[in-house]
Amino acid sequence: MKRRVAVQKGLPILGIFRSFAAVGVDPSVMGVGPAFAIPAAVKSAGLELGNIDLFEINEAFASQFVYSCKKLGLDTRKVNVNGGAIALGHPLGATGARCVATLLNEMKRRGKDCRFGAISMCIGSGMGAAAVFERGDC
């Protein structure tokens, strides 16, 4: 929703949507999409991977999560800090919404120490998607 509408309704601005990327990957290697979608979304936002303070990567499978973190060289202390889908659940069809809600709430909790966050998930048949958000009160 537009900031103006949220302000009129008295709603808090939790985050600002900065970019989105969907990428295709080899469909014979299930789950690697986040490792390729995250850099694309970060670049589209005009940022570098090091600018991202927090990551929420859907854990469809533990192995694909570990692969994505290693491939991107992520500091795992900045990834799925409240637990991922293995701990919280994988709400098929609502995975992205769950990731966004978890990310934005954690960014708000951390305050000024957390300006940018990214979410990502693999998609069956060889795809990955990612989005970058900025904390709403920046």
C-alpha atoms as a PDB file:
ATOM      1  CA  MET A   1       0.000   0.000   0.000  1.00  0.00           C
ATOM      2  CA  LYS A   2       1.150   3.554  -0.536  1.00  0.00           C
ATOM      3  CA  ARG A   3       2.757   5.298   2.438  1.00  0.00           C
ATOM      4  CA  ARG A   4       0.155   8.084   2.257  1.00  0.00           C
ATOM      5  CA  VAL A   5      -2.698   5.585   2.664  1.00  0.00           C
ATOM      6  CA  ALA A   6      -0.995   3.830   5.582  1.00  0.00           C
ATOM      7  CA  VAL A   7      -0.429   7.156   7.335  1.00  0.00           C
ATOM      8  CA  GLN A   8      -4.073   8.172   6.757  1.00  0.00           C
ATOM      9  CA  LYS A   9      -5.209   4.883   8.293  1.00  0.00           C
ATOM     10  CA  GLY A  10      -2.809   5.182  11.218  1.00  0.00           C
ATOM     11  CA  LEU A  11      -0.935   2.013  10.221  1.00  0.00           C
ATOM     12  CA  PRO A  12       2.766   1.536  10.985  1.00  0.00           C
ATOM     13  CA  ILE A  13       5.214   1.436   8.077  1.00  0.00           C
ATOM     14  CA  LEU A  14       7.063  -1.830   8.738  1.00  0.00           C
ATOM     15  CA  GLY A  15       9.030  -1.968   5.513  1.00  0.00           C
ATOM     16  CA  ILE A  16       9.649  -0.570   2.077  1.00  0.00           C
ATOM     17  CA  PHE A  17       9.678  -3.019  -0.827  1.00  0.00           C
ATOM     18  CA  ARG A  18      12.887  -2.312  -2.780  1.00  0.00           C
ATOM     19  CA  SER A  19      13.229  -5.093  -5.359  1.00  0.00           C
ATOM     20  CA  PHE A  20      12.208  -8.540  -6.531  1.00  0.00           C
ATOM     21  CA  ALA A  21      13.885 -11.132  -8.737  1.00  0.00           C
ATOM     22  CA  ALA A  22      12.793 -14.500 -10.064  1.00  0.00           C
ATOM     23  CA  VAL A  23      15.436 -16.652 -11.713  1.00  0.00           C
ATOM     24  CA  GLY A  24      15.544 -19.930 -13.551  1.00  0.00           C
ATOM     25  CA  VAL A  25      17.991 -22.642 -12.539  1.00  0.00           C
ATOM     26  CA  ASP A  26      18.644 -26.206 -13.634  1.00  0.00           C
ATOM     27  CA  PRO A  27      15.424 -28.041 -12.703  1.00  0.00           C
ATOM     28  CA  SER A  28      17.342 -31.261 -12.089  1.00  0.00           C
ATOM     29  CA  VAL A  29      18.959 -29.650  -9.028  1.00  0.00           C
ATOM     30  CA  MET A  30      15.996 -28.950  -6.765  1.00  0.00           C
ATOM     31  CA  GLY A  31      16.147 -26.090  -4.314  1.00  0.00           C
ATOM     32  CA  VAL A  32      19.166 -24.019  -5.373  1.00  0.00           C
ATOM     33  CA  GLY A  33      17.111 -21.038  -6.573  1.00  0.00           C
ATOM     34  CA  PRO A  34      17.798 -18.798  -3.537  1.00  0.00           C
ATOM     35  CA  ALA A  35      21.549 -18.920  -4.211  1.00  0.00           C
ATOM     36  CA  PHE A  36      20.896 -17.230  -7.561  1.00  0.00           C
ATOM     37  CA  ALA A  37      17.776 -15.161  -6.824  1.00  0.00           C
ATOM     38  CA  ILE A  38      19.209 -13.342  -3.801  1.00  0.00           C
ATOM     39  CA  PRO A  39      22.148 -11.755  -5.675  1.00  0.00           C
ATOM     40  CA  ALA A  40      19.792 -10.740  -8.505  1.00  0.00           C
ATOM     41  CA  ALA A  41      17.350  -9.033  -6.113  1.00  0.00           C
ATOM     42  CA  VAL A  42      20.155  -7.351  -4.177  1.00  0.00           C
ATOM     43  CA  LYS A  43      21.685  -6.005  -7.391  1.00  0.00           C
ATOM     44  CA  SER A  44      18.268  -4.809  -8.579  1.00  0.00           C
ATOM     45  CA  ALA A  45      17.946  -2.835  -5.329  1.00  0.00           C
ATOM     46  CA  GLY A  46      21.273  -1.128  -6.071  1.00  0.00           C
ATOM     47  CA  LEU A  47      22.924  -2.865  -3.137  1.00  0.00           C
ATOM     48  CA  GLU A  48      25.628  -5.436  -2.479  1.00  0.00           C
ATOM     49  CA  LEU A  49      25.224  -8.650  -0.497  1.00  0.00           C
ATOM     50  CA  GLY A  50      27.181  -7.082   2.377  1.00  0.00           C
ATOM     51  CA  ASN A  51      24.502  -4.368   2.723  1.00  0.00           C
ATOM     52  CA  ILE A  52      21.887  -6.933   3.739  1.00  0.00           C
ATOM     53  CA  ASP A  53      21.569  -7.106   7.515  1.00  0.00           C
ATOM     54  CA  LEU A  54      19.093  -9.973   7.774  1.00  0.00           C
ATOM     55  CA  PHE A  55      18.012 -12.894   5.583  1.00  0.00           C
ATOM     56  CA  GLU A  56      14.891 -15.033   5.693  1.00  0.00           C
ATOM     57  CA  ILE A  57      15.453 -18.044   3.415  1.00  0.00           C
ATOM     58  CA  ASN A  58      12.693 -20.616   3.241  1.00  0.00           C
ATOM     59  CA  GLU A  59      13.959 -24.056   4.223  1.00  0.00           C
ATOM     60  CA  ALA A  60      12.077 -26.329   1.878  1.00  0.00           C
ATOM     61  CA  PHE A  61      14.822 -28.831   2.710  1.00  0.00           C
ATOM     62  CA  ALA A  62      17.745 -28.489   5.117  1.00  0.00           C
ATOM     63  CA  SER A  63      20.248 -29.307   2.364  1.00  0.00           C
ATOM     64  CA  GLN A  64      19.055 -26.541   0.026  1.00  0.00           C
ATOM     65  CA  PHE A  65      19.218 -24.016   2.851  1.00  0.00           C
ATOM     66  CA  VAL A  66      22.782 -25.037   3.743  1.00  0.00           C
ATOM     67  CA  TYR A  67      23.784 -24.958   0.056  1.00  0.00           C
ATOM     68  CA  SER A  68      22.395 -21.448  -0.414  1.00  0.00           C
ATOM     69  CA  CYS A  69      24.147 -20.105   2.684  1.00  0.00           C
ATOM     70  CA  LYS A  70      27.473 -21.646   1.671  1.00  0.00           C
ATOM     71  CA  LYS A  71      27.208 -20.618  -1.996  1.00  0.00           C
ATOM     72  CA  LEU A  72      26.556 -17.005  -0.981  1.00  0.00           C
ATOM     73  CA  GLY A  73      29.025 -17.006   1.927  1.00  0.00           C
ATOM     74  CA  LEU A  74      26.351 -15.789   4.341  1.00  0.00           C
ATOM     75  CA  ASP A  75      26.996 -15.276   8.026  1.00  0.00           C
ATOM     76  CA  THR A  76      24.483 -17.751   9.437  1.00  0.00           C
ATOM     77  CA  ARG A  77      23.976 -15.486  12.472  1.00  0.00           C
ATOM     78  CA  LYS A  78      22.067 -13.213  10.058  1.00  0.00           C
ATOM     79  CA  VAL A  79      19.908 -15.949   8.494  1.00  0.00           C
ATOM     80  CA  ASN A  80      16.568 -17.256   9.792  1.00  0.00           C
ATOM     81  CA  VAL A  81      17.312 -15.858  13.236  1.00  0.00           C
ATOM     82  CA  ASN A  82      13.910 -16.933  14.591  1.00  0.00           C
ATOM     83  CA  GLY A  83      14.027 -20.366  12.985  1.00  0.00           C
ATOM     84  CA  GLY A  84      13.118 -21.226   9.424  1.00  0.00           C
ATOM     85  CA  ALA A  85      10.432 -23.356   7.851  1.00  0.00           C
ATOM     86  CA  ILE A  86      11.772 -26.515   9.495  1.00  0.00           C
ATOM     87  CA  ALA A  87      11.045 -24.963  12.904  1.00  0.00           C
ATOM     88  CA  LEU A  88       8.105 -22.678  12.077  1.00  0.00           C
ATOM     89  CA  GLY A  89       6.392 -24.638   9.326  1.00  0.00           C
ATOM     90  CA  HIS A  90       6.208 -24.418   5.553  1.00  0.00           C
ATOM     91  CA  PRO A  91       2.756 -23.007   4.741  1.00  0.00           C
ATOM     92  CA  LEU A  92       2.492 -24.063   1.111  1.00  0.00           C
ATOM     93  CA  GLY A  93       1.072 -21.160  -0.862  1.00  0.00           C
ATOM     94  CA  ALA A  94       1.836 -18.680   1.912  1.00  0.00           C
ATOM     95  CA  THR A  95       5.578 -19.191   2.257  1.00  0.00           C
ATOM     96  CA  GLY A  96       6.455 -15.761   0.892  1.00  0.00           C
ATOM     97  CA  ALA A  97       3.978 -14.011   3.168  1.00  0.00           C
ATOM     98  CA  ARG A  98       5.348 -15.870   6.205  1.00  0.00           C
ATOM     99  CA  CYS A  99       8.909 -14.948   5.250  1.00  0.00           C
ATOM    100  CA  VAL A 100       8.024 -11.264   4.751  1.00  0.00           C
ATOM    101  CA  ALA A 101       6.137 -11.056   8.059  1.00  0.00           C
ATOM    102  CA  THR A 102       8.975 -12.732   9.966  1.00  0.00           C
ATOM    103  CA  LEU A 103      11.631 -10.548   8.318  1.00  0.00           C
ATOM    104  CA  LEU A 104       9.850  -7.211   8.787  1.00  0.00           C
ATOM    105  CA  ASN A 105       9.014  -7.892  12.420  1.00  0.00           C
ATOM    106  CA  GLU A 106      12.611  -8.861  13.202  1.00  0.00           C
ATOM    107  CA  MET A 107      13.924  -5.790  11.354  1.00  0.00           C
ATOM    108  CA  LYS A 108      11.615  -3.593  13.439  1.00  0.00           C
ATOM    109  CA  ARG A 109      12.739  -5.328  16.635  1.00  0.00           C
ATOM    110  CA  ARG A 110      16.415  -4.733  15.792  1.00  0.00           C
ATOM    111  CA  GLY A 111      15.839  -1.090  14.888  1.00  0.00           C
ATOM    112  CA  LYS A 112      18.643   1.025  13.484  1.00  0.00           C
ATOM    113  CA  ASP A 113      21.072  -1.920  13.455  1.00  0.00           C
ATOM    114  CA  CYS A 114      19.039  -3.528  10.679  1.00  0.00           C
ATOM    115  CA  ARG A 115      18.289  -1.396   7.621  1.00  0.00           C
ATOM    116  CA  PHE A 116      17.995  -3.939   4.793  1.00  0.00           C
ATOM    117  CA  GLY A 117      16.617  -7.468   4.707  1.00  0.00           C
ATOM    118  CA  ALA A 118      16.071 -10.108   2.043  1.00  0.00           C
ATOM    119  CA  ILE A 119      13.718 -13.042   1.710  1.00  0.00           C
ATOM    120  CA  SER A 120      14.054 -15.936  -0.693  1.00  0.00           C
ATOM    121  CA  MET A 121      12.598 -19.298  -1.572  1.00  0.00           C
ATOM    122  CA  CYS A 122      13.088 -22.053  -4.075  1.00  0.00           C
ATOM    123  CA  ILE A 123      10.276 -22.847  -6.477  1.00  0.00           C
ATOM    124  CA  GLY A 124       9.653 -26.282  -7.955  1.00  0.00           C
ATOM    125  CA  SER A 125      10.669 -26.917 -11.568  1.00  0.00           C
ATOM    126  CA  GLY A 126      13.894 -24.944 -11.369  1.00  0.00           C
ATOM    127  CA  MET A 127      13.242 -21.446 -10.103  1.00  0.00           C
ATOM    128  CA  GLY A 128      14.079 -19.177  -7.227  1.00  0.00           C
ATOM    129  CA  ALA A 129      12.603 -15.905  -6.015  1.00  0.00           C
ATOM    130  CA  ALA A 130      13.919 -13.191  -3.728  1.00  0.00           C
ATOM    131  CA  ALA A 131      12.939  -9.740  -2.535  1.00  0.00           C
ATOM    132  CA  VAL A 132      14.729  -6.945  -0.711  1.00  0.00           C
ATOM    133  CA  PHE A 133      13.087  -4.722   1.903  1.00  0.00           C
ATOM    134  CA  GLU A 134      14.209  -1.631   3.760  1.00  0.00           C
ATOM    135  CA  ARG A 135      13.091  -1.014   7.323  1.00  0.00           C
ATOM    136  CA  GLY A 136      10.064   1.275   7.265  1.00  0.00           C
ATOM    137  CA  ASP A 137      11.278   3.988   9.600  1.00  0.00           C
ATOM    138  CA  CYS A 138      14.523   4.790   7.763  1.00  0.00           C
END
